[in-house]
Amino acid sequence: MKDMEDELDYFLERIKDGDPFALPRWGDGEIKLLKGVEFHRNPTDIANNRLWDFDPSDSQQLEAAQKIATSIQYEDEDLFHGMPCPKCSVCYVSGQEQYELYENKDNLTFVSIFVNGNHEETQRRLPQVLRGKEVIFVGHHSADVSRLPFPVSKHFGVGTNAWLNDMDILEDLKAYLRDLEGDTAVALFACGPLSNYLIAEIWKENKSAFLIDIGSAFDVEIYSRPTRGFHSGKSGYGKYCEWINE
């Protein structure tokens, strides 16, 4: 059985030691993309909270979803996939089907690695291990990265529903990382399903940087208000999942 706190410790220590890895995360929304299941949200919530939705009857959306779905099948050394627990008494979505996809199951971890029960520890320790490192942020263009508790050298801005409209940012990211001279960069991704696609595609060519889907972990700072329940002690806050694989 894996432990959420131990898993967080492992990844934070690797950042501290300069040992690169890639970590895309497949939450319940991304799982719906994989399965071609409609994912509807209120337009007001999408606009106000920079969320995304999915309509598989739209051919453009289905094509983009299928492109992103190929990323979950990519396995490589030091590439980890965050996903819902295979079996867990506190989760309402099972990752058992995705768990079975992988030959190397040691490279699977909690989709909630930086949030819920690990939220406060992430807030406390991630800024410490990022100290002195070249940090890149890939997220919504309205994010105020100057408010983050660590310096960001470059902000690659994307829009709402970035997985549909901003795939072309991939080449810009690849070029930027190639041009860094000897620095081990840490690229933090917060752009929904697009994060998974970008991380996988970059890792195929460049294994010298950390590529981490940080998701909504620092939304309070960059948007000046909570966007998820765990930010304010509500849903998910304090929840530690159980990684049970039998």
Foldseek 3Di string as FASTA:
>chain_A
DDWLVVVLVVVLVCLLVQNAAEEEEQEPQLVCLLVVHWFDDDPVLCVVLLEATADSVDVLRNVLSVLLNVLLLDDDPRYAYAYDFCDWPPDPDHCVVSCVSDPPSVRYHHSQSCFQQNLVVNLPRVQVSCPPAAEEEEEAPQFDCVQRSHDHPYYHHAHRVRSRPPLVCLVVVLVVVVPDDPGAYEYEYAHPSSLSSSRSVSCVPDRRYHRYDNHCSPVCRRVVHDSDQLVPPGPSHSDITDRDDD
